[in-house]
Each structure stands twice: as C-alpha cells, then as structure tokens.
Amino acid sequence: MTQTATIGIAAGVLTAVLFAALLTFTPLGIAAYLITPLPAFVAGLAQGQVGALVAIASAAVLLLLAVHPALALSYAAVFGLPCLLLVRQTMTGAPQGASAAGRILAVAVVMAGGFGAANVLMLGPDEAAYRDSLGKAFDFYRQQLDTATGEPISAEDSAVLRDVVFHLLPGIAAISWLAITTFSLWLAGRLVRARKSLAQSLPDLAGLELPGWTLFTFMASLLAAYLGSGQLALVASAFAAAHGAGYLVQGLALIHRLTLGRPFRPGILIAVYVALVAAGYYVAFLVITFALAAPVLGWGSRPPASPLNTQT
C-alpha cells in the first residue's frame, strides 16, 4: 500500500505539472499537455485502480491548491475521471469471445463524443449563442495570428474559415481527446510492460474489434449529424467523429493483423501510414470502410488471445 501511495502521489504531481503547462502557451507547454493522462495510466496499470485514483486525486488537489480551483475541476472532468474509468475497464477485461481492447476503445469513443458535445454546449445552449461565443474566440485568435505574422487575413477568408471552424470544432475536439487519451494508455502499457510490473495482463491489440453496438451508435450519430440541425447536429457530429476515429483504429489493427508473417508487411504498413498522413480524410475514409466491411468479407475474425501481445 505504501508503494502504491508513493507511485500514485508522484504520478499525480507530474500530471498536475503537465496539465498546468498548457497555461504557458508555448510549444513545449502544449507538448507536455498532450501526455497529461500518461502518469495516471502508468500508476493505474502498475498498481491497479487504487494507484490511478491516488494519482488523479493528488493531481486535482495540487492544481486546486497551487493554481486555481477551476483548473482542478477541469482536469478532473477532462482527464481524471475518464482515466479512472479506462483503467478500470482495462483491469476488468471482457467476456469470453469479446475483444477486451475493443471494449476499452468503445468506452473511450463514447467519452470522446461526450467531450466534443460538452465543448459545444459550454460555448452556448443554442446555435446562436454557440456561433456568438465561437466568433468572439475566433476573432481573438485571428488578431493574435495577424499580429504574429504581420499578414492580416482578408475578411472573406476569415468568414470562410470561421464557418469551417463552426462545423468542425465538435469533431476536432472529440478526435483530439480520443487521440491524447488512447495514445497515453497505449504508451503507459508499453512502459509498464517493459519494466515487467504489470498489475494485470494487458488486452490483445492485434485482436482489437469494437463491440457490435458501436455500429448502431455510429450510424445513428451520422444520421443525426447530417439530417439534424442546430445543437443536435453539432453534438451528433462529435459522436460521429469519435466513432469514425474508433473504426479507423480498428481498420489499422486489422491491416496489422492480416499482414502478420507476410514478407511485404513493412512496405504495406509504411504505405498505409504515409498515405494516411498525406491524404488524410480520404485514406481514413477508406480504412474506416474497410473496417466496417471486413466482417461481411470474412476478414473480421480475431486470432486466439495473447494477453501481452501489443506488438502490432
């Protein structure tokens, strides 16, 4: 118990520093913020749920006392509670025949959609208030950019860009949160496993497959985003983007699995990731479609579980 408390408190102090680093508004501070969940995940995977709870509570208390109560509350809502839930899901595993990694990702997808939706609702309870709040924030950052570059953005380009941000912000917020959180969880697993101090076996990433219910929630969120209007469409777009990112991860995991043992595997993986970076949305759409179609094509079956197999 003493070791758990020590590791948890140390992880909490580091977490508070990483989260508060965003306030510096520097590239290094932003980079530090992007791995905010990592220490709590390490504590949780190494020491169990108690270790994660100690780390999260320590970080929140330190932010409360040393920085500001609002920052402590923000950390607890954005990363603290979600980290605890994901550690719990990781330790719980999955029923026989289900993908434990897929269940963890599904939980993260739902929370990411909730984060994106919360961003919308905090900016305004209705579309008019949301546009007004987002417009003020956009104008502020545009002025900062104009001052920094010395090249003001034209009014026409500014209006177009503002409209793009208006529609894409919920999805960007959801995907960003999902990327930060799941990457930190994956990295924590690698770090803890490397030191052979796992509290429990990690899920098999090679067999990652989202639960069946996520297909229905994905389709429902897409329909609401495209057919709905106002805040409903914006909130739905956050959940649709999070689900799309989840199926992108499943598609990439499937490509890794199907190419295992193949002599041309490195070339295929390099080509996929280069194309994903270069073409972005278009390649992501193809990979998501592949993930959704794989079970129909008979390519969706998972290999026998290998608890510590994260080499995908």
C-alpha atoms as a PDB file:
ATOM      1  CA  MET A   1       0.000   0.000   0.000  1.00  0.00           C
ATOM      2  CA  THR A   2       2.889   2.355   0.758  1.00  0.00           C
ATOM      3  CA  GLN A   3       4.374   1.700  -2.680  1.00  0.00           C
ATOM      4  CA  THR A   4       1.007   2.300  -4.330  1.00  0.00           C
ATOM      5  CA  ALA A   5       0.579   5.611  -2.493  1.00  0.00           C
ATOM      6  CA  THR A   6       4.126   6.732  -3.312  1.00  0.00           C
ATOM      7  CA  ILE A   7       3.801   5.918  -7.011  1.00  0.00           C
ATOM      8  CA  GLY A   8       0.329   7.440  -7.145  1.00  0.00           C
ATOM      9  CA  ILE A   9       1.353  10.722  -5.499  1.00  0.00           C
ATOM     10  CA  ALA A  10       4.443  11.028  -7.706  1.00  0.00           C
ATOM     11  CA  ALA A  11       2.294  10.394 -10.778  1.00  0.00           C
ATOM     12  CA  GLY A  12      -0.203  12.983  -9.542  1.00  0.00           C
ATOM     13  CA  VAL A  13       2.461  15.666  -9.109  1.00  0.00           C
ATOM     14  CA  LEU A  14       3.762  15.013 -12.623  1.00  0.00           C
ATOM     15  CA  THR A  15       0.222  15.028 -14.006  1.00  0.00           C
ATOM     16  CA  ALA A  16      -0.513  18.424 -12.423  1.00  0.00           C
ATOM     17  CA  VAL A  17       2.657  19.880 -13.937  1.00  0.00           C
ATOM     18  CA  LEU A  18       1.823  18.518 -17.401  1.00  0.00           C
ATOM     19  CA  PHE A  19      -1.764  19.779 -17.285  1.00  0.00           C
ATOM     20  CA  ALA A  20      -0.825  23.241 -15.989  1.00  0.00           C
ATOM     21  CA  ALA A  21       1.911  23.530 -18.633  1.00  0.00           C
ATOM     22  CA  LEU A  22      -0.783  24.447 -21.151  1.00  0.00           C
ATOM     23  CA  LEU A  23      -1.093  27.806 -19.392  1.00  0.00           C
ATOM     24  CA  THR A  24       2.374  28.775 -20.665  1.00  0.00           C
ATOM     25  CA  PHE A  25       1.015  28.867 -24.258  1.00  0.00           C
ATOM     26  CA  THR A  26       4.386  27.666 -25.559  1.00  0.00           C
ATOM     27  CA  PRO A  27       5.107  24.735 -27.913  1.00  0.00           C
ATOM     28  CA  LEU A  28       6.796  22.863 -25.061  1.00  0.00           C
ATOM     29  CA  GLY A  29       3.840  23.508 -22.766  1.00  0.00           C
ATOM     30  CA  ILE A  30       1.395  22.257 -25.377  1.00  0.00           C
ATOM     31  CA  ALA A  31       3.525  19.149 -25.978  1.00  0.00           C
ATOM     32  CA  ALA A  32       3.561  18.463 -22.229  1.00  0.00           C
ATOM     33  CA  TYR A  33      -0.225  18.851 -22.038  1.00  0.00           C
ATOM     34  CA  LEU A  34      -0.673  16.224 -24.755  1.00  0.00           C
ATOM     35  CA  ILE A  35       0.660  13.493 -22.438  1.00  0.00           C
ATOM     36  CA  THR A  36      -1.240  14.631 -19.345  1.00  0.00           C
ATOM     37  CA  PRO A  37      -3.032  11.262 -18.844  1.00  0.00           C
ATOM     38  CA  LEU A  38       0.185   9.216 -19.102  1.00  0.00           C
ATOM     39  CA  PRO A  39       1.354   9.287 -15.433  1.00  0.00           C
ATOM     40  CA  ALA A  40      -2.056   8.294 -14.063  1.00  0.00           C
ATOM     41  CA  PHE A  41      -2.302   5.463 -16.587  1.00  0.00           C
ATOM     42  CA  VAL A  42       1.156   4.216 -15.622  1.00  0.00           C
ATOM     43  CA  ALA A  43       0.207   4.287 -11.935  1.00  0.00           C
ATOM     44  CA  GLY A  44      -3.062   2.512 -12.675  1.00  0.00           C
ATOM     45  CA  LEU A  45      -1.615  -0.239 -14.850  1.00  0.00           C
ATOM     46  CA  ALA A  46       1.257  -0.845 -12.426  1.00  0.00           C
ATOM     47  CA  GLN A  47      -0.638  -0.565  -9.139  1.00  0.00           C
ATOM     48  CA  GLY A  48      -4.256  -1.130 -10.071  1.00  0.00           C
ATOM     49  CA  GLN A  49      -7.263   1.139  -9.728  1.00  0.00           C
ATOM     50  CA  VAL A  50      -6.115   2.422  -6.330  1.00  0.00           C
ATOM     51  CA  GLY A  51      -2.873   3.671  -7.879  1.00  0.00           C
ATOM     52  CA  ALA A  52      -4.810   5.527 -10.572  1.00  0.00           C
ATOM     53  CA  LEU A  53      -7.204   7.009  -8.001  1.00  0.00           C
ATOM     54  CA  VAL A  54      -4.334   8.271  -5.835  1.00  0.00           C
ATOM     55  CA  ALA A  55      -2.632   9.822  -8.873  1.00  0.00           C
ATOM     56  CA  ILE A  56      -5.805  11.564 -10.058  1.00  0.00           C
ATOM     57  CA  ALA A  57      -6.732  12.819  -6.584  1.00  0.00           C
ATOM     58  CA  SER A  58      -3.182  14.081  -5.970  1.00  0.00           C
ATOM     59  CA  ALA A  59      -3.156  15.963  -9.269  1.00  0.00           C
ATOM     60  CA  ALA A  60      -6.545  17.549  -8.596  1.00  0.00           C
ATOM     61  CA  VAL A  61      -5.579  18.623  -5.059  1.00  0.00           C
ATOM     62  CA  LEU A  62      -2.273  20.096  -6.239  1.00  0.00           C
ATOM     63  CA  LEU A  63      -3.995  22.054  -9.020  1.00  0.00           C
ATOM     64  CA  LEU A  64      -6.612  23.220  -6.526  1.00  0.00           C
ATOM     65  CA  LEU A  65      -4.071  24.497  -4.013  1.00  0.00           C
ATOM     66  CA  ALA A  66      -1.283  25.719  -6.286  1.00  0.00           C
ATOM     67  CA  VAL A  67      -3.085  27.036  -9.359  1.00  0.00           C
ATOM     68  CA  HIS A  68      -6.864  27.537  -9.342  1.00  0.00           C
ATOM     69  CA  PRO A  69      -9.984  25.555  -8.365  1.00  0.00           C
ATOM     70  CA  ALA A  70     -11.335  25.866 -11.916  1.00  0.00           C
ATOM     71  CA  LEU A  71      -8.231  24.169 -13.297  1.00  0.00           C
ATOM     72  CA  ALA A  72      -8.573  21.328 -10.789  1.00  0.00           C
ATOM     73  CA  LEU A  73     -12.202  20.822 -11.804  1.00  0.00           C
ATOM     74  CA  SER A  74     -11.269  20.981 -15.469  1.00  0.00           C
ATOM     75  CA  TYR A  75      -8.588  18.309 -15.026  1.00  0.00           C
ATOM     76  CA  ALA A  76     -10.928  16.043 -13.080  1.00  0.00           C
ATOM     77  CA  ALA A  77     -13.610  16.267 -15.788  1.00  0.00           C
ATOM     78  CA  VAL A  78     -11.407  16.171 -18.902  1.00  0.00           C
ATOM     79  CA  PHE A  79      -8.828  13.560 -17.906  1.00  0.00           C
ATOM     80  CA  GLY A  80      -9.187  12.482 -14.267  1.00  0.00           C
ATOM     81  CA  LEU A  81     -12.466  10.584 -14.204  1.00  0.00           C
ATOM     82  CA  PRO A  82     -12.053   9.224 -17.761  1.00  0.00           C
ATOM     83  CA  CYS A  83      -8.582   7.872 -16.866  1.00  0.00           C
ATOM     84  CA  LEU A  84     -10.008   6.089 -13.835  1.00  0.00           C
ATOM     85  CA  LEU A  85     -12.815   4.563 -15.898  1.00  0.00           C
ATOM     86  CA  LEU A  86     -10.417   3.405 -18.619  1.00  0.00           C
ATOM     87  CA  VAL A  87      -8.034   1.844 -16.097  1.00  0.00           C
ATOM     88  CA  ARG A  88     -10.984   0.059 -14.523  1.00  0.00           C
ATOM     89  CA  GLN A  89     -12.123  -1.186 -17.934  1.00  0.00           C
ATOM     90  CA  THR A  90      -8.584  -2.343 -18.732  1.00  0.00           C
ATOM     91  CA  MET A  91      -8.351  -4.279 -15.476  1.00  0.00           C
ATOM     92  CA  THR A  92     -11.835  -5.748 -15.843  1.00  0.00           C
ATOM     93  CA  GLY A  93     -11.187  -7.306 -19.247  1.00  0.00           C
ATOM     94  CA  ALA A  94     -14.024  -8.613 -21.416  1.00  0.00           C
ATOM     95  CA  PRO A  95     -16.438 -11.560 -21.509  1.00  0.00           C
ATOM     96  CA  GLN A  96     -15.403 -14.724 -23.339  1.00  0.00           C
ATOM     97  CA  GLY A  97     -15.415 -14.174 -27.096  1.00  0.00           C
ATOM     98  CA  ALA A  98     -15.280 -10.379 -26.873  1.00  0.00           C
ATOM     99  CA  SER A  99     -12.331  -8.108 -27.642  1.00  0.00           C
ATOM    100  CA  ALA A 100     -11.066  -6.506 -24.419  1.00  0.00           C
ATOM    101  CA  ALA A 101      -9.149  -3.847 -26.364  1.00  0.00           C
ATOM    102  CA  GLY A 102     -12.255  -3.148 -28.425  1.00  0.00           C
ATOM    103  CA  ARG A 103     -14.365  -2.641 -25.306  1.00  0.00           C
ATOM    104  CA  ILE A 104     -11.784  -0.217 -23.900  1.00  0.00           C
ATOM    105  CA  LEU A 105     -11.744   1.719 -27.175  1.00  0.00           C
ATOM    106  CA  ALA A 106     -15.558   1.780 -27.255  1.00  0.00           C
ATOM    107  CA  VAL A 107     -15.675   3.338 -23.782  1.00  0.00           C
ATOM    108  CA  ALA A 108     -13.098   5.911 -24.893  1.00  0.00           C
ATOM    109  CA  VAL A 109     -15.095   6.660 -28.063  1.00  0.00           C
ATOM    110  CA  VAL A 110     -18.254   7.406 -26.084  1.00  0.00           C
ATOM    111  CA  MET A 111     -16.347   9.646 -23.666  1.00  0.00           C
ATOM    112  CA  ALA A 112     -14.645  11.438 -26.583  1.00  0.00           C
ATOM    113  CA  GLY A 113     -18.034  12.145 -28.144  1.00  0.00           C
ATOM    114  CA  GLY A 114     -19.213  13.457 -24.792  1.00  0.00           C
ATOM    115  CA  PHE A 115     -16.171  15.727 -24.577  1.00  0.00           C
ATOM    116  CA  GLY A 116     -16.848  17.163 -28.023  1.00  0.00           C
ATOM    117  CA  ALA A 117     -20.518  17.646 -27.180  1.00  0.00           C
ATOM    118  CA  ALA A 118     -19.619  19.354 -23.898  1.00  0.00           C
ATOM    119  CA  ASN A 119     -17.455  21.837 -25.821  1.00  0.00           C
ATOM    120  CA  VAL A 120     -20.471  22.751 -27.941  1.00  0.00           C
ATOM    121  CA  LEU A 121     -22.843  23.157 -25.003  1.00  0.00           C
ATOM    122  CA  MET A 122     -20.339  25.156 -22.949  1.00  0.00           C
ATOM    123  CA  LEU A 123     -19.972  27.647 -25.784  1.00  0.00           C
ATOM    124  CA  GLY A 124     -23.727  28.144 -25.933  1.00  0.00           C
ATOM    125  CA  PRO A 125     -27.034  26.438 -25.127  1.00  0.00           C
ATOM    126  CA  ASP A 126     -28.320  27.121 -28.639  1.00  0.00           C
ATOM    127  CA  GLU A 127     -26.860  27.632 -32.099  1.00  0.00           C
ATOM    128  CA  ALA A 128     -26.954  31.431 -31.937  1.00  0.00           C
ATOM    129  CA  ALA A 129     -25.105  31.568 -28.624  1.00  0.00           C
ATOM    130  CA  TYR A 130     -22.635  28.944 -29.877  1.00  0.00           C
ATOM    131  CA  ARG A 131     -21.903  30.987 -33.013  1.00  0.00           C
ATOM    132  CA  ASP A 132     -21.501  34.163 -30.989  1.00  0.00           C
ATOM    133  CA  SER A 133     -19.107  32.628 -28.439  1.00  0.00           C
ATOM    134  CA  LEU A 134     -17.096  30.837 -31.103  1.00  0.00           C
ATOM    135  CA  GLY A 135     -16.978  34.008 -33.215  1.00  0.00           C
ATOM    136  CA  LYS A 136     -15.508  36.022 -30.345  1.00  0.00           C
ATOM    137  CA  ALA A 137     -12.883  33.357 -29.656  1.00  0.00           C
ATOM    138  CA  PHE A 138     -12.102  33.098 -33.370  1.00  0.00           C
ATOM    139  CA  ASP A 139     -11.665  36.864 -33.732  1.00  0.00           C
ATOM    140  CA  PHE A 140      -9.339  36.963 -30.704  1.00  0.00           C
ATOM    141  CA  TYR A 141      -7.043  34.239 -32.034  1.00  0.00           C
ATOM    142  CA  ARG A 142      -7.194  35.677 -35.547  1.00  0.00           C
ATOM    143  CA  GLN A 143      -5.944  39.012 -34.208  1.00  0.00           C
ATOM    144  CA  GLN A 144      -3.145  37.242 -32.361  1.00  0.00           C
ATOM    145  CA  LEU A 145      -2.174  35.438 -35.568  1.00  0.00           C
ATOM    146  CA  ASP A 146      -2.349  38.642 -37.614  1.00  0.00           C
ATOM    147  CA  THR A 147      -0.051  40.365 -35.124  1.00  0.00           C
ATOM    148  CA  ALA A 148       2.405  37.460 -35.065  1.00  0.00           C
ATOM    149  CA  THR A 149       2.621  37.055 -38.854  1.00  0.00           C
ATOM    150  CA  GLY A 150       2.143  40.660 -39.906  1.00  0.00           C
ATOM    151  CA  GLU A 151      -0.145  39.452 -42.695  1.00  0.00           C
ATOM    152  CA  PRO A 152      -3.807  40.041 -41.796  1.00  0.00           C
ATOM    153  CA  ILE A 153      -6.341  37.507 -43.073  1.00  0.00           C
ATOM    154  CA  SER A 154      -8.846  39.014 -45.505  1.00  0.00           C
ATOM    155  CA  ALA A 155     -12.445  39.422 -44.363  1.00  0.00           C
ATOM    156  CA  GLU A 156     -13.644  36.924 -46.977  1.00  0.00           C
ATOM    157  CA  ASP A 157     -11.120  34.246 -45.956  1.00  0.00           C
ATOM    158  CA  SER A 158     -11.870  34.923 -42.295  1.00  0.00           C
ATOM    159  CA  ALA A 159     -15.595  34.345 -42.840  1.00  0.00           C
ATOM    160  CA  VAL A 160     -14.951  31.074 -44.673  1.00  0.00           C
ATOM    161  CA  LEU A 161     -12.542  29.869 -42.016  1.00  0.00           C
ATOM    162  CA  ARG A 162     -14.948  30.813 -39.219  1.00  0.00           C
ATOM    163  CA  ASP A 163     -17.703  28.752 -40.856  1.00  0.00           C
ATOM    164  CA  VAL A 164     -15.363  25.767 -41.197  1.00  0.00           C
ATOM    165  CA  VAL A 165     -14.397  26.004 -37.528  1.00  0.00           C
ATOM    166  CA  PHE A 166     -18.070  26.299 -36.571  1.00  0.00           C
ATOM    167  CA  HIS A 167     -18.878  22.939 -38.175  1.00  0.00           C
ATOM    168  CA  LEU A 168     -15.664  21.050 -37.433  1.00  0.00           C
ATOM    169  CA  LEU A 169     -14.929  22.095 -33.840  1.00  0.00           C
ATOM    170  CA  PRO A 170     -17.046  19.361 -32.157  1.00  0.00           C
ATOM    171  CA  GLY A 171     -15.417  16.607 -34.213  1.00  0.00           C
ATOM    172  CA  ILE A 172     -11.918  18.028 -33.814  1.00  0.00           C
ATOM    173  CA  ALA A 173     -12.384  18.256 -30.037  1.00  0.00           C
ATOM    174  CA  ALA A 174     -13.655  14.664 -29.842  1.00  0.00           C
ATOM    175  CA  ILE A 175     -10.894  13.202 -32.022  1.00  0.00           C
ATOM    176  CA  SER A 176      -8.176  15.189 -30.247  1.00  0.00           C
ATOM    177  CA  TRP A 177      -9.325  13.960 -26.824  1.00  0.00           C
ATOM    178  CA  LEU A 178      -9.541  10.384 -28.090  1.00  0.00           C
ATOM    179  CA  ALA A 179      -6.048  10.549 -29.607  1.00  0.00           C
ATOM    180  CA  ILE A 180      -4.480  12.047 -26.470  1.00  0.00           C
ATOM    181  CA  THR A 181      -6.144   9.577 -24.128  1.00  0.00           C
ATOM    182  CA  THR A 182      -5.777   6.340 -26.082  1.00  0.00           C
ATOM    183  CA  PHE A 183      -2.179   7.096 -27.061  1.00  0.00           C
ATOM    184  CA  SER A 184      -1.295   7.732 -23.419  1.00  0.00           C
ATOM    185  CA  LEU A 185      -2.998   4.483 -22.385  1.00  0.00           C
ATOM    186  CA  TRP A 186      -1.146   2.525 -25.071  1.00  0.00           C
ATOM    187  CA  LEU A 187       2.195   4.131 -24.179  1.00  0.00           C
ATOM    188  CA  ALA A 188       1.601   3.502 -20.469  1.00  0.00           C
ATOM    189  CA  GLY A 189       1.028  -0.162 -21.236  1.00  0.00           C
ATOM    190  CA  ARG A 190       4.278  -0.369 -23.166  1.00  0.00           C
ATOM    191  CA  LEU A 191       6.254   1.390 -20.427  1.00  0.00           C
ATOM    192  CA  VAL A 192       4.805  -0.696 -17.605  1.00  0.00           C
ATOM    193  CA  ARG A 193       5.179  -3.931 -19.531  1.00  0.00           C
ATOM    194  CA  ALA A 194       8.821  -3.104 -20.312  1.00  0.00           C
ATOM    195  CA  ARG A 195       9.522  -2.968 -16.574  1.00  0.00           C
ATOM    196  CA  LYS A 196       7.513  -6.165 -16.048  1.00  0.00           C
ATOM    197  CA  SER A 197       5.482  -4.526 -13.295  1.00  0.00           C
ATOM    198  CA  LEU A 198       2.021  -5.080 -14.707  1.00  0.00           C
ATOM    199  CA  ALA A 199      -0.776  -5.343 -12.194  1.00  0.00           C
ATOM    200  CA  GLN A 200      -2.645  -7.472 -14.746  1.00  0.00           C
ATOM    201  CA  SER A 201      -2.249  -8.759 -18.304  1.00  0.00           C
ATOM    202  CA  LEU A 202      -2.897  -6.182 -21.000  1.00  0.00           C
ATOM    203  CA  PRO A 203      -5.549  -6.697 -23.683  1.00  0.00           C
ATOM    204  CA  ASP A 204      -4.542  -8.054 -27.065  1.00  0.00           C
ATOM    205  CA  LEU A 205      -4.253  -5.162 -29.521  1.00  0.00           C
ATOM    206  CA  ALA A 206      -3.903  -7.464 -32.520  1.00  0.00           C
ATOM    207  CA  GLY A 207      -7.466  -8.637 -31.959  1.00  0.00           C
ATOM    208  CA  LEU A 208      -8.959  -5.194 -31.419  1.00  0.00           C
ATOM    209  CA  GLU A 209     -12.587  -5.159 -32.526  1.00  0.00           C
ATOM    210  CA  LEU A 210     -15.248  -2.710 -31.409  1.00  0.00           C
ATOM    211  CA  PRO A 211     -18.428  -4.201 -29.890  1.00  0.00           C
ATOM    212  CA  GLY A 212     -21.380  -4.680 -32.231  1.00  0.00           C
ATOM    213  CA  TRP A 213     -23.438  -1.912 -30.619  1.00  0.00           C
ATOM    214  CA  THR A 214     -20.964   0.745 -31.770  1.00  0.00           C
ATOM    215  CA  LEU A 215     -22.050   0.202 -35.380  1.00  0.00           C
ATOM    216  CA  PHE A 216     -25.593   1.236 -34.480  1.00  0.00           C
ATOM    217  CA  THR A 217     -24.494   4.254 -32.436  1.00  0.00           C
ATOM    218  CA  PHE A 218     -22.151   5.257 -35.285  1.00  0.00           C
ATOM    219  CA  MET A 219     -24.958   5.121 -37.861  1.00  0.00           C
ATOM    220  CA  ALA A 220     -27.351   6.947 -35.525  1.00  0.00           C
ATOM    221  CA  SER A 221     -24.870   9.750 -34.876  1.00  0.00           C
ATOM    222  CA  LEU A 222     -24.148  10.110 -38.598  1.00  0.00           C
ATOM    223  CA  LEU A 223     -27.852  10.378 -39.411  1.00  0.00           C
ATOM    224  CA  ALA A 224     -28.405  12.936 -36.654  1.00  0.00           C
ATOM    225  CA  ALA A 225     -25.404  14.962 -37.780  1.00  0.00           C
ATOM    226  CA  TYR A 226     -26.458  15.100 -41.438  1.00  0.00           C
ATOM    227  CA  LEU A 227     -30.233  15.262 -41.071  1.00  0.00           C
ATOM    228  CA  GLY A 228     -30.464  17.238 -37.830  1.00  0.00           C
ATOM    229  CA  SER A 229     -29.953  20.938 -37.302  1.00  0.00           C
ATOM    230  CA  GLY A 230     -28.682  23.330 -34.675  1.00  0.00           C
ATOM    231  CA  GLN A 231     -27.124  21.994 -31.497  1.00  0.00           C
ATOM    232  CA  LEU A 232     -28.413  18.465 -32.142  1.00  0.00           C
ATOM    233  CA  ALA A 233     -26.415  18.200 -35.358  1.00  0.00           C
ATOM    234  CA  LEU A 234     -23.294  19.669 -33.742  1.00  0.00           C
ATOM    235  CA  VAL A 235     -23.478  17.301 -30.748  1.00  0.00           C
ATOM    236  CA  ALA A 236     -24.125  14.345 -33.045  1.00  0.00           C
ATOM    237  CA  SER A 237     -21.132  15.316 -35.194  1.00  0.00           C
ATOM    238  CA  ALA A 238     -18.877  14.997 -32.139  1.00  0.00           C
ATOM    239  CA  PHE A 239     -20.060  11.432 -31.527  1.00  0.00           C
ATOM    240  CA  ALA A 240     -19.875  10.593 -35.251  1.00  0.00           C
ATOM    241  CA  ALA A 241     -16.281  11.837 -35.448  1.00  0.00           C
ATOM    242  CA  ALA A 242     -15.301   9.862 -32.331  1.00  0.00           C
ATOM    243  CA  HIS A 243     -16.861   6.673 -33.730  1.00  0.00           C
ATOM    244  CA  GLY A 244     -15.139   7.247 -37.066  1.00  0.00           C
ATOM    245  CA  ALA A 245     -11.788   7.573 -35.306  1.00  0.00           C
ATOM    246  CA  GLY A 246     -12.523   4.372 -33.383  1.00  0.00           C
ATOM    247  CA  TYR A 247     -13.229   2.453 -36.580  1.00  0.00           C
ATOM    248  CA  LEU A 248     -10.099   3.948 -38.116  1.00  0.00           C
ATOM    249  CA  VAL A 249      -8.087   2.391 -35.275  1.00  0.00           C
ATOM    250  CA  GLN A 250      -9.908  -0.920 -35.788  1.00  0.00           C
ATOM    251  CA  GLY A 251      -9.140  -0.815 -39.509  1.00  0.00           C
ATOM    252  CA  LEU A 252      -5.459  -0.168 -38.867  1.00  0.00           C
ATOM    253  CA  ALA A 253      -5.362  -3.002 -36.315  1.00  0.00           C
ATOM    254  CA  LEU A 254      -6.967  -5.290 -38.895  1.00  0.00           C
ATOM    255  CA  ILE A 255      -4.358  -4.341 -41.522  1.00  0.00           C
ATOM    256  CA  HIS A 256      -1.626  -5.138 -38.985  1.00  0.00           C
ATOM    257  CA  ARG A 257      -3.282  -8.485 -38.248  1.00  0.00           C
ATOM    258  CA  LEU A 258      -3.825  -9.514 -41.871  1.00  0.00           C
ATOM    259  CA  THR A 259      -0.225  -8.745 -42.811  1.00  0.00           C
ATOM    260  CA  LEU A 260       1.384 -10.641 -39.897  1.00  0.00           C
ATOM    261  CA  GLY A 261       4.044 -13.002 -41.197  1.00  0.00           C
ATOM    262  CA  ARG A 262       3.896 -11.606 -44.733  1.00  0.00           C
ATOM    263  CA  PRO A 263       7.229 -10.695 -46.372  1.00  0.00           C
ATOM    264  CA  PHE A 264       5.766  -7.492 -47.798  1.00  0.00           C
ATOM    265  CA  ARG A 265       4.291  -6.374 -44.444  1.00  0.00           C
ATOM    266  CA  PRO A 266       6.720  -3.444 -43.782  1.00  0.00           C
ATOM    267  CA  GLY A 267       6.066  -1.976 -47.212  1.00  0.00           C
ATOM    268  CA  ILE A 268       2.295  -2.188 -46.833  1.00  0.00           C
ATOM    269  CA  LEU A 269       2.286  -0.627 -43.372  1.00  0.00           C
ATOM    270  CA  ILE A 270       4.616   2.185 -44.433  1.00  0.00           C
ATOM    271  CA  ALA A 271       2.453   2.872 -47.496  1.00  0.00           C
ATOM    272  CA  VAL A 272      -0.746   2.937 -45.418  1.00  0.00           C
ATOM    273  CA  TYR A 273       0.608   5.354 -42.818  1.00  0.00           C
ATOM    274  CA  VAL A 274       2.301   7.628 -45.371  1.00  0.00           C
ATOM    275  CA  ALA A 275      -0.939   7.765 -47.372  1.00  0.00           C
ATOM    276  CA  LEU A 276      -2.895   8.469 -44.183  1.00  0.00           C
ATOM    277  CA  VAL A 277      -0.649  11.422 -43.358  1.00  0.00           C
ATOM    278  CA  ALA A 278      -0.529  12.703 -46.939  1.00  0.00           C
ATOM    279  CA  ALA A 279      -4.171  12.264 -47.945  1.00  0.00           C
ATOM    280  CA  GLY A 280      -5.760  12.383 -44.507  1.00  0.00           C
ATOM    281  CA  TYR A 281      -9.544  12.250 -44.714  1.00  0.00           C
ATOM    282  CA  TYR A 282      -9.711  10.270 -47.967  1.00  0.00           C
ATOM    283  CA  VAL A 283      -7.483   7.423 -46.802  1.00  0.00           C
ATOM    284  CA  ALA A 284      -9.117   7.466 -43.370  1.00  0.00           C
ATOM    285  CA  PHE A 285     -12.499   7.037 -45.080  1.00  0.00           C
ATOM    286  CA  LEU A 286     -11.183   4.000 -46.980  1.00  0.00           C
ATOM    287  CA  VAL A 287      -9.728   2.414 -43.836  1.00  0.00           C
ATOM    288  CA  ILE A 288     -12.984   3.004 -41.911  1.00  0.00           C
ATOM    289  CA  THR A 289     -14.973   1.466 -44.767  1.00  0.00           C
ATOM    290  CA  PHE A 290     -12.592  -1.497 -44.763  1.00  0.00           C
ATOM    291  CA  ALA A 291     -13.099  -1.960 -41.007  1.00  0.00           C
ATOM    292  CA  LEU A 292     -16.890  -1.889 -41.414  1.00  0.00           C
ATOM    293  CA  ALA A 293     -16.871  -4.256 -44.409  1.00  0.00           C
ATOM    294  CA  ALA A 294     -14.299  -6.746 -43.044  1.00  0.00           C
ATOM    295  CA  PRO A 295     -16.788  -8.875 -41.050  1.00  0.00           C
ATOM    296  CA  VAL A 296     -19.013  -9.191 -44.129  1.00  0.00           C
ATOM    297  CA  LEU A 297     -15.995 -10.238 -46.204  1.00  0.00           C
ATOM    298  CA  GLY A 298     -14.965 -12.788 -43.596  1.00  0.00           C
ATOM    299  CA  TRP A 299     -11.850 -10.866 -42.553  1.00  0.00           C
ATOM    300  CA  GLY A 300     -13.057  -9.785 -39.148  1.00  0.00           C
ATOM    301  CA  SER A 301     -12.338 -12.886 -37.057  1.00  0.00           C
ATOM    302  CA  ARG A 302      -9.851 -12.355 -34.260  1.00  0.00           C
ATOM    303  CA  PRO A 303      -6.862 -14.626 -33.614  1.00  0.00           C
ATOM    304  CA  PRO A 304      -6.603 -16.534 -30.321  1.00  0.00           C
ATOM    305  CA  ALA A 305      -5.983 -14.129 -27.460  1.00  0.00           C
ATOM    306  CA  SER A 306      -2.413 -13.435 -26.464  1.00  0.00           C
ATOM    307  CA  PRO A 307      -2.694 -11.260 -23.327  1.00  0.00           C
ATOM    308  CA  LEU A 308       0.594  -9.403 -23.623  1.00  0.00           C
ATOM    309  CA  ASN A 309       0.707  -9.205 -27.389  1.00  0.00           C
ATOM    310  CA  THR A 310       0.918  -5.499 -28.149  1.00  0.00           C
ATOM    311  CA  GLN A 311       3.413  -5.897 -30.966  1.00  0.00           C
ATOM    312  CA  THR A 312       1.076  -4.999 -33.803  1.00  0.00           C
END
